[in-house]
Amino acid sequence: MSNVSDARNSGIRDRILQTASDLFYFDGLNGVGINRIIEEADVAKSTFYRYFPTKEHLVLAYLDEMDRLWALALRQAAGPDPTPSAERLSDMFDALLWDGHPEEYRGAAFLKASAEASAGSVVQLRVAEHRAGVLEWISRLSRQAGAADPDGLARTLALLLEGALALGMPTLDADNPRLAQAAARQIIQEALS
């Protein structure tokens, strides 16, 4: 009986988080209130607060999920570990390719969260943690590829990734991912020669 109860509870939490994620993505962290999330998730207020004692807890859960999804997208785009690291460094830019509907694109979740968060807030700290995790992963690939300055290459590529994400926010230009990838290839080639 416990497994059924656990699954049901997990389903409710997931429904709240998915509803909040959709709303946060389209209307922003500050543009969405708890009551709207409760209404659209179709849960009681007490149920909501059982899973997320504060909006901050919900926002952090949302950012954790966005971090997980972005890390997965980068790793899938880069390909498996046996692939040469130089290729993986440029292939990770395939994660920028938008395969949805342009009218649904509202920009990168972490860029938007950073823009809305107060300086020094837990949201800003979570954004910094996300960026550090991405940078650490790119640094590891840069070291594996044999870059003379793997941390410098990683910082440059992370900046290029973030810039390409930012350029996608106001207008979704289908050429931006390929332009970023071409620039990355040139930067990687120079860093490895």
C-alpha atoms as a PDB file:
ATOM      1  CA  MET A   1       0.000   0.000   0.000  1.00  0.00           C
ATOM      2  CA  SER A   2       2.915   2.343   0.749  1.00  0.00           C
ATOM      3  CA  ASN A   3       4.179   2.117  -2.855  1.00  0.00           C
ATOM      4  CA  VAL A   4       0.791   3.216  -4.186  1.00  0.00           C
ATOM      5  CA  SER A   5       0.708   6.126  -1.749  1.00  0.00           C
ATOM      6  CA  ASP A   6       4.291   7.101  -2.604  1.00  0.00           C
ATOM      7  CA  ALA A   7       3.539   6.999  -6.338  1.00  0.00           C
ATOM      8  CA  ARG A   8       0.399   9.087  -5.875  1.00  0.00           C
ATOM      9  CA  ASN A   9       2.291  11.627  -3.748  1.00  0.00           C
ATOM     10  CA  SER A  10       5.099  11.774  -6.305  1.00  0.00           C
ATOM     11  CA  GLY A  11       2.504  12.295  -9.039  1.00  0.00           C
ATOM     12  CA  ILE A  12       0.959  15.218  -7.172  1.00  0.00           C
ATOM     13  CA  ARG A  13       4.343  16.821  -6.549  1.00  0.00           C
ATOM     14  CA  ASP A  14       5.298  16.308 -10.185  1.00  0.00           C
ATOM     15  CA  ARG A  15       2.009  17.863 -11.345  1.00  0.00           C
ATOM     16  CA  ILE A  16       2.579  20.936  -9.185  1.00  0.00           C
ATOM     17  CA  LEU A  17       6.168  21.251 -10.397  1.00  0.00           C
ATOM     18  CA  GLN A  18       5.211  20.784 -14.064  1.00  0.00           C
ATOM     19  CA  THR A  19       2.445  23.362 -13.794  1.00  0.00           C
ATOM     20  CA  ALA A  20       4.784  25.811 -12.091  1.00  0.00           C
ATOM     21  CA  SER A  21       7.533  25.116 -14.622  1.00  0.00           C
ATOM     22  CA  ASP A  22       5.259  25.914 -17.552  1.00  0.00           C
ATOM     23  CA  LEU A  23       4.003  29.078 -15.880  1.00  0.00           C
ATOM     24  CA  PHE A  24       7.469  30.228 -14.761  1.00  0.00           C
ATOM     25  CA  TYR A  25       8.864  29.657 -18.245  1.00  0.00           C
ATOM     26  CA  PHE A  26       6.141  31.602 -20.022  1.00  0.00           C
ATOM     27  CA  ASP A  27       5.340  34.305 -17.469  1.00  0.00           C
ATOM     28  CA  GLY A  28       8.485  34.555 -15.345  1.00  0.00           C
ATOM     29  CA  LEU A  29       9.253  33.733 -11.741  1.00  0.00           C
ATOM     30  CA  ASN A  30       7.894  37.023 -10.445  1.00  0.00           C
ATOM     31  CA  GLY A  31       4.864  37.023 -12.750  1.00  0.00           C
ATOM     32  CA  VAL A  32       3.342  33.864 -11.297  1.00  0.00           C
ATOM     33  CA  GLY A  33       1.796  33.654  -7.874  1.00  0.00           C
ATOM     34  CA  ILE A  34       1.190  30.636  -5.676  1.00  0.00           C
ATOM     35  CA  ASN A  35      -2.594  30.875  -5.994  1.00  0.00           C
ATOM     36  CA  ARG A  36      -2.397  30.618  -9.781  1.00  0.00           C
ATOM     37  CA  ILE A  37      -0.174  27.559  -9.555  1.00  0.00           C
ATOM     38  CA  ILE A  38      -2.522  25.936  -7.027  1.00  0.00           C
ATOM     39  CA  GLU A  39      -5.518  26.644  -9.257  1.00  0.00           C
ATOM     40  CA  GLU A  40      -3.907  25.431 -12.482  1.00  0.00           C
ATOM     41  CA  ALA A  41      -2.386  22.343 -10.835  1.00  0.00           C
ATOM     42  CA  ASP A  42      -5.822  21.629  -9.364  1.00  0.00           C
ATOM     43  CA  VAL A  43      -4.588  20.930  -5.839  1.00  0.00           C
ATOM     44  CA  ALA A  44      -5.645  22.132  -2.423  1.00  0.00           C
ATOM     45  CA  LYS A  45      -3.582  24.884  -0.830  1.00  0.00           C
ATOM     46  CA  SER A  46      -2.634  22.534   2.025  1.00  0.00           C
ATOM     47  CA  THR A  47      -1.456  19.937  -0.507  1.00  0.00           C
ATOM     48  CA  PHE A  48       0.678  22.511  -2.280  1.00  0.00           C
ATOM     49  CA  TYR A  49       2.334  23.624   0.950  1.00  0.00           C
ATOM     50  CA  ARG A  50       2.978  20.019   1.996  1.00  0.00           C
ATOM     51  CA  TYR A  51       5.295  19.674  -1.016  1.00  0.00           C
ATOM     52  CA  PHE A  52       6.549  23.248  -1.299  1.00  0.00           C
ATOM     53  CA  PRO A  53       6.494  25.178   1.998  1.00  0.00           C
ATOM     54  CA  THR A  54       7.338  28.429   0.192  1.00  0.00           C
ATOM     55  CA  LYS A  55       7.432  29.745  -3.350  1.00  0.00           C
ATOM     56  CA  GLU A  56      11.215  29.819  -3.006  1.00  0.00           C
ATOM     57  CA  HIS A  57      11.220  26.037  -2.495  1.00  0.00           C
ATOM     58  CA  LEU A  58       9.180  25.647  -5.677  1.00  0.00           C
ATOM     59  CA  VAL A  59      11.405  28.002  -7.674  1.00  0.00           C
ATOM     60  CA  LEU A  60      14.498  26.073  -6.565  1.00  0.00           C
ATOM     61  CA  ALA A  61      12.855  22.765  -7.526  1.00  0.00           C
ATOM     62  CA  TYR A  62      12.059  24.295 -10.938  1.00  0.00           C
ATOM     63  CA  LEU A  63      15.659  25.451 -11.384  1.00  0.00           C
ATOM     64  CA  ASP A  64      16.952  22.033 -10.311  1.00  0.00           C
ATOM     65  CA  GLU A  65      14.806  20.447 -13.012  1.00  0.00           C
ATOM     66  CA  MET A  66      15.928  22.982 -15.622  1.00  0.00           C
ATOM     67  CA  ASP A  67      19.548  22.298 -14.623  1.00  0.00           C
ATOM     68  CA  ARG A  68      19.003  18.554 -15.007  1.00  0.00           C
ATOM     69  CA  LEU A  69      17.386  19.000 -18.428  1.00  0.00           C
ATOM     70  CA  TRP A  70      20.089  21.399 -19.713  1.00  0.00           C
ATOM     71  CA  ALA A  71      22.903  19.126 -18.500  1.00  0.00           C
ATOM     72  CA  LEU A  72      21.184  16.195 -20.219  1.00  0.00           C
ATOM     73  CA  ALA A  73      20.755  18.187 -23.451  1.00  0.00           C
ATOM     74  CA  LEU A  74      24.426  19.222 -23.443  1.00  0.00           C
ATOM     75  CA  ARG A  75      25.642  15.690 -22.775  1.00  0.00           C
ATOM     76  CA  GLN A  76      23.381  14.169 -25.425  1.00  0.00           C
ATOM     77  CA  ALA A  77      24.464  16.774 -27.979  1.00  0.00           C
ATOM     78  CA  ALA A  78      28.139  16.219 -27.125  1.00  0.00           C
ATOM     79  CA  GLY A  79      27.817  12.487 -27.613  1.00  0.00           C
ATOM     80  CA  PRO A  80      29.207   9.575 -25.644  1.00  0.00           C
ATOM     81  CA  ASP A  81      32.568   9.588 -23.872  1.00  0.00           C
ATOM     82  CA  PRO A  82      34.417   7.525 -26.495  1.00  0.00           C
ATOM     83  CA  THR A  83      33.882  10.378 -28.980  1.00  0.00           C
ATOM     84  CA  PRO A  84      37.031  12.555 -29.173  1.00  0.00           C
ATOM     85  CA  SER A  85      36.681  15.461 -26.739  1.00  0.00           C
ATOM     86  CA  ALA A  86      37.398  18.128 -29.364  1.00  0.00           C
ATOM     87  CA  GLU A  87      34.354  16.919 -31.305  1.00  0.00           C
ATOM     88  CA  ARG A  88      32.284  16.769 -28.142  1.00  0.00           C
ATOM     89  CA  LEU A  89      33.179  20.379 -27.360  1.00  0.00           C
ATOM     90  CA  SER A  90      31.764  21.623 -30.671  1.00  0.00           C
ATOM     91  CA  ASP A  91      28.931  19.096 -30.842  1.00  0.00           C
ATOM     92  CA  MET A  92      27.556  20.305 -27.510  1.00  0.00           C
ATOM     93  CA  PHE A  93      26.347  23.393 -29.391  1.00  0.00           C
ATOM     94  CA  ASP A  94      23.729  21.165 -31.018  1.00  0.00           C
ATOM     95  CA  ALA A  95      21.872  21.555 -27.701  1.00  0.00           C
ATOM     96  CA  LEU A  96      21.039  25.075 -28.894  1.00  0.00           C
ATOM     97  CA  LEU A  97      19.002  23.820 -31.834  1.00  0.00           C
ATOM     98  CA  TRP A  98      15.339  24.636 -31.350  1.00  0.00           C
ATOM     99  CA  ASP A  99      13.008  21.936 -32.581  1.00  0.00           C
ATOM    100  CA  GLY A 100       9.795  23.363 -31.170  1.00  0.00           C
ATOM    101  CA  HIS A 101       7.576  26.198 -32.248  1.00  0.00           C
ATOM    102  CA  PRO A 102       9.242  29.627 -32.281  1.00  0.00           C
ATOM    103  CA  GLU A 103       6.221  31.250 -30.649  1.00  0.00           C
ATOM    104  CA  GLU A 104       6.775  28.982 -27.624  1.00  0.00           C
ATOM    105  CA  TYR A 105      10.384  30.021 -27.083  1.00  0.00           C
ATOM    106  CA  ARG A 106      10.830  32.392 -24.168  1.00  0.00           C
ATOM    107  CA  GLY A 107      14.571  32.149 -23.649  1.00  0.00           C
ATOM    108  CA  ALA A 108      16.837  30.187 -21.361  1.00  0.00           C
ATOM    109  CA  ALA A 109      15.386  29.496 -17.921  1.00  0.00           C
ATOM    110  CA  PHE A 110      18.562  30.404 -16.045  1.00  0.00           C
ATOM    111  CA  LEU A 111      19.106  33.666 -17.916  1.00  0.00           C
ATOM    112  CA  LYS A 112      15.536  34.668 -17.171  1.00  0.00           C
ATOM    113  CA  ALA A 113      15.788  33.604 -13.521  1.00  0.00           C
ATOM    114  CA  SER A 114      19.007  35.563 -13.116  1.00  0.00           C
ATOM    115  CA  ALA A 115      17.407  38.672 -14.589  1.00  0.00           C
ATOM    116  CA  GLU A 116      14.458  38.437 -12.184  1.00  0.00           C
ATOM    117  CA  ALA A 117      16.302  37.476  -9.006  1.00  0.00           C
ATOM    118  CA  SER A 118      17.575  39.862  -6.374  1.00  0.00           C
ATOM    119  CA  ALA A 119      21.319  40.114  -5.901  1.00  0.00           C
ATOM    120  CA  GLY A 120      22.506  37.629  -3.293  1.00  0.00           C
ATOM    121  CA  SER A 121      19.216  35.708  -3.271  1.00  0.00           C
ATOM    122  CA  VAL A 122      19.045  31.918  -3.181  1.00  0.00           C
ATOM    123  CA  VAL A 123      17.869  32.062  -6.793  1.00  0.00           C
ATOM    124  CA  GLN A 124      21.003  33.989  -7.798  1.00  0.00           C
ATOM    125  CA  LEU A 125      23.107  31.481  -5.862  1.00  0.00           C
ATOM    126  CA  ARG A 126      21.372  28.588  -7.664  1.00  0.00           C
ATOM    127  CA  VAL A 127      22.001  30.275 -11.029  1.00  0.00           C
ATOM    128  CA  ALA A 128      25.692  30.652 -10.114  1.00  0.00           C
ATOM    129  CA  GLU A 129      25.810  26.989  -9.073  1.00  0.00           C
ATOM    130  CA  HIS A 130      24.274  25.983 -12.417  1.00  0.00           C
ATOM    131  CA  ARG A 131      26.799  28.027 -14.378  1.00  0.00           C
ATOM    132  CA  ALA A 132      29.677  26.607 -12.337  1.00  0.00           C
ATOM    133  CA  GLY A 133      28.483  23.061 -13.048  1.00  0.00           C
ATOM    134  CA  VAL A 134      28.322  23.685 -16.798  1.00  0.00           C
ATOM    135  CA  LEU A 135      31.745  25.351 -16.720  1.00  0.00           C
ATOM    136  CA  GLU A 136      33.245  22.459 -14.756  1.00  0.00           C
ATOM    137  CA  TRP A 137      31.923  19.937 -17.296  1.00  0.00           C
ATOM    138  CA  ILE A 138      33.260  21.963 -20.257  1.00  0.00           C
ATOM    139  CA  SER A 139      36.618  22.320 -18.450  1.00  0.00           C
ATOM    140  CA  ARG A 140      36.802  18.549 -18.073  1.00  0.00           C
ATOM    141  CA  LEU A 141      36.163  18.085 -21.804  1.00  0.00           C
ATOM    142  CA  SER A 142      38.752  20.768 -22.592  1.00  0.00           C
ATOM    143  CA  ARG A 143      41.362  18.971 -20.463  1.00  0.00           C
ATOM    144  CA  GLN A 144      40.529  15.659 -22.147  1.00  0.00           C
ATOM    145  CA  ALA A 145      40.906  17.321 -25.547  1.00  0.00           C
ATOM    146  CA  GLY A 146      44.406  18.482 -24.580  1.00  0.00           C
ATOM    147  CA  ALA A 147      43.860  22.248 -24.498  1.00  0.00           C
ATOM    148  CA  ALA A 148      46.894  24.173 -23.265  1.00  0.00           C
ATOM    149  CA  ASP A 149      44.555  26.354 -21.176  1.00  0.00           C
ATOM    150  CA  PRO A 150      41.503  24.152 -20.542  1.00  0.00           C
ATOM    151  CA  ASP A 151      39.910  26.555 -18.068  1.00  0.00           C
ATOM    152  CA  GLY A 152      40.307  29.490 -20.450  1.00  0.00           C
ATOM    153  CA  LEU A 153      38.829  27.481 -23.314  1.00  0.00           C
ATOM    154  CA  ALA A 154      35.956  26.375 -21.083  1.00  0.00           C
ATOM    155  CA  ARG A 155      35.186  29.950 -20.021  1.00  0.00           C
ATOM    156  CA  THR A 156      35.199  31.091 -23.655  1.00  0.00           C
ATOM    157  CA  LEU A 157      32.918  28.261 -24.792  1.00  0.00           C
ATOM    158  CA  ALA A 158      30.555  28.751 -21.831  1.00  0.00           C
ATOM    159  CA  LEU A 159      30.347  32.451 -22.696  1.00  0.00           C
ATOM    160  CA  LEU A 160      29.597  31.571 -26.307  1.00  0.00           C
ATOM    161  CA  LEU A 161      26.885  29.114 -25.242  1.00  0.00           C
ATOM    162  CA  GLU A 162      25.279  31.633 -22.912  1.00  0.00           C
ATOM    163  CA  GLY A 163      25.487  34.363 -25.541  1.00  0.00           C
ATOM    164  CA  ALA A 164      23.785  32.173 -28.118  1.00  0.00           C
ATOM    165  CA  LEU A 165      21.044  31.401 -25.590  1.00  0.00           C
ATOM    166  CA  ALA A 166      20.600  35.100 -24.872  1.00  0.00           C
ATOM    167  CA  LEU A 167      20.362  35.940 -28.572  1.00  0.00           C
ATOM    168  CA  GLY A 168      17.521  33.469 -28.888  1.00  0.00           C
ATOM    169  CA  MET A 169      15.394  35.326 -26.339  1.00  0.00           C
ATOM    170  CA  PRO A 170      13.876  38.246 -28.248  1.00  0.00           C
ATOM    171  CA  THR A 171      13.938  36.704 -31.721  1.00  0.00           C
ATOM    172  CA  LEU A 172      14.539  33.097 -32.494  1.00  0.00           C
ATOM    173  CA  ASP A 173      17.115  33.182 -35.281  1.00  0.00           C
ATOM    174  CA  ALA A 174      17.635  29.700 -36.670  1.00  0.00           C
ATOM    175  CA  ASP A 175      21.184  30.639 -37.727  1.00  0.00           C
ATOM    176  CA  ASN A 176      22.403  31.495 -34.193  1.00  0.00           C
ATOM    177  CA  PRO A 177      23.114  27.905 -33.088  1.00  0.00           C
ATOM    178  CA  ARG A 178      25.117  27.166 -36.241  1.00  0.00           C
ATOM    179  CA  LEU A 179      26.987  30.477 -36.025  1.00  0.00           C
ATOM    180  CA  ALA A 180      27.852  29.736 -32.399  1.00  0.00           C
ATOM    181  CA  GLN A 181      28.974  26.239 -33.325  1.00  0.00           C
ATOM    182  CA  ALA A 182      31.147  27.508 -36.183  1.00  0.00           C
ATOM    183  CA  ALA A 183      32.752  30.053 -33.871  1.00  0.00           C
ATOM    184  CA  ALA A 184      33.278  27.322 -31.269  1.00  0.00           C
ATOM    185  CA  ARG A 185      35.013  25.080 -33.815  1.00  0.00           C
ATOM    186  CA  GLN A 186      37.426  27.869 -34.708  1.00  0.00           C
ATOM    187  CA  ILE A 187      38.120  28.667 -31.048  1.00  0.00           C
ATOM    188  CA  ILE A 188      38.624  24.971 -30.219  1.00  0.00           C
ATOM    189  CA  GLN A 189      40.941  24.470 -33.198  1.00  0.00           C
ATOM    190  CA  GLU A 190      43.076  27.425 -32.136  1.00  0.00           C
ATOM    191  CA  ALA A 191      43.116  26.286 -28.498  1.00  0.00           C
ATOM    192  CA  LEU A 192      44.265  22.792 -29.438  1.00  0.00           C
ATOM    193  CA  SER A 193      46.904  23.743 -32.010  1.00  0.00           C
END
